């Protein structure tokens, strides 16, 4: 049992699991940029919809 545990721990510690680039659990920069772009596109679509609705109401009230 001791040898089996030693082999498993040795393999884990010497694998890529403990490399420096794997120790940073934060979100990558490109993912943050894509989220920001998605939010901006969503806000632009909502603003455009508001403008379209206002124009439609303005035209229908003139008639």
Protein backbone atom coordinates (compact mmCIF):
# COMPACT_ATOMS: atom_id res chain seq x y z
CA UNK A 1 0.00 0.00 0.00
CA UNK A 2 2.84 2.33 0.87
CA UNK A 3 4.59 1.69 -2.45
CA UNK A 4 1.38 2.22 -4.41
CA UNK A 5 0.74 5.54 -2.62
CA UNK A 6 4.33 6.60 -3.21
CA UNK A 7 4.07 5.81 -6.93
CA UNK A 8 0.81 7.77 -7.31
CA UNK A 9 2.14 10.81 -5.44
CA UNK A 10 5.44 10.71 -7.30
CA UNK A 11 3.64 10.61 -10.65
CA UNK A 12 1.33 13.48 -9.69
CA UNK A 13 4.07 15.76 -8.40
CA UNK A 14 6.28 15.17 -11.43
CA UNK A 15 3.49 15.67 -13.95
CA UNK A 16 2.38 18.94 -15.54
CA UNK A 17 -0.10 19.47 -12.69
CA UNK A 18 2.45 21.43 -10.69
CA UNK A 19 4.00 23.54 -13.47
CA UNK A 20 3.94 27.28 -12.83
CA UNK A 21 1.47 28.05 -15.65
CA UNK A 22 -1.03 25.60 -14.15
CA UNK A 23 -0.92 27.15 -10.68
CA UNK A 24 -2.74 30.35 -11.76
CA UNK A 25 -6.46 29.57 -11.45
CA UNK A 26 -7.58 32.94 -12.89
CA UNK A 27 -9.48 33.46 -16.12
CA UNK A 28 -7.35 33.95 -19.21
CA UNK A 29 -7.21 37.39 -20.80
CA UNK A 30 -8.76 36.36 -24.12
CA UNK A 31 -11.80 34.97 -22.31
CA UNK A 32 -12.26 38.27 -20.47
CA UNK A 33 -12.01 40.17 -23.77
CA UNK A 34 -14.62 37.93 -25.41
CA UNK A 35 -17.01 38.41 -22.48
CA UNK A 36 -16.59 42.19 -22.73
CA UNK A 37 -17.26 42.10 -26.48
CA UNK A 38 -20.39 39.99 -25.92
CA UNK A 39 -21.68 42.46 -23.33
CA UNK A 40 -21.02 45.42 -25.63
CA UNK A 41 -22.79 43.74 -28.54
CA UNK A 42 -25.75 42.93 -26.28
CA UNK A 43 -25.99 46.52 -25.06
CA UNK A 44 -25.79 47.83 -28.63
CA UNK A 45 -28.61 45.51 -29.69
CA UNK A 46 -30.80 46.66 -26.80
CA UNK A 47 -30.12 50.31 -27.61
CA UNK A 48 -30.92 49.72 -31.27
CA UNK A 49 -34.19 48.02 -30.33
CA UNK A 50 -35.17 50.98 -28.15
CA UNK A 51 -34.50 53.37 -31.03
CA UNK A 52 -36.56 51.24 -33.41
CA UNK A 53 -39.49 51.05 -30.99
CA UNK A 54 -39.43 54.81 -30.41
CA UNK A 55 -39.37 55.49 -34.15
CA UNK A 56 -42.24 53.08 -34.71
CA UNK A 57 -44.34 54.70 -31.99
CA UNK A 58 -43.52 58.17 -33.32
CA UNK A 59 -44.58 57.22 -36.87
CA UNK A 60 -47.76 55.48 -35.74
CA UNK A 61 -48.79 58.46 -33.56
CA UNK A 62 -48.32 60.84 -36.53
CA UNK A 63 -50.78 58.83 -38.62
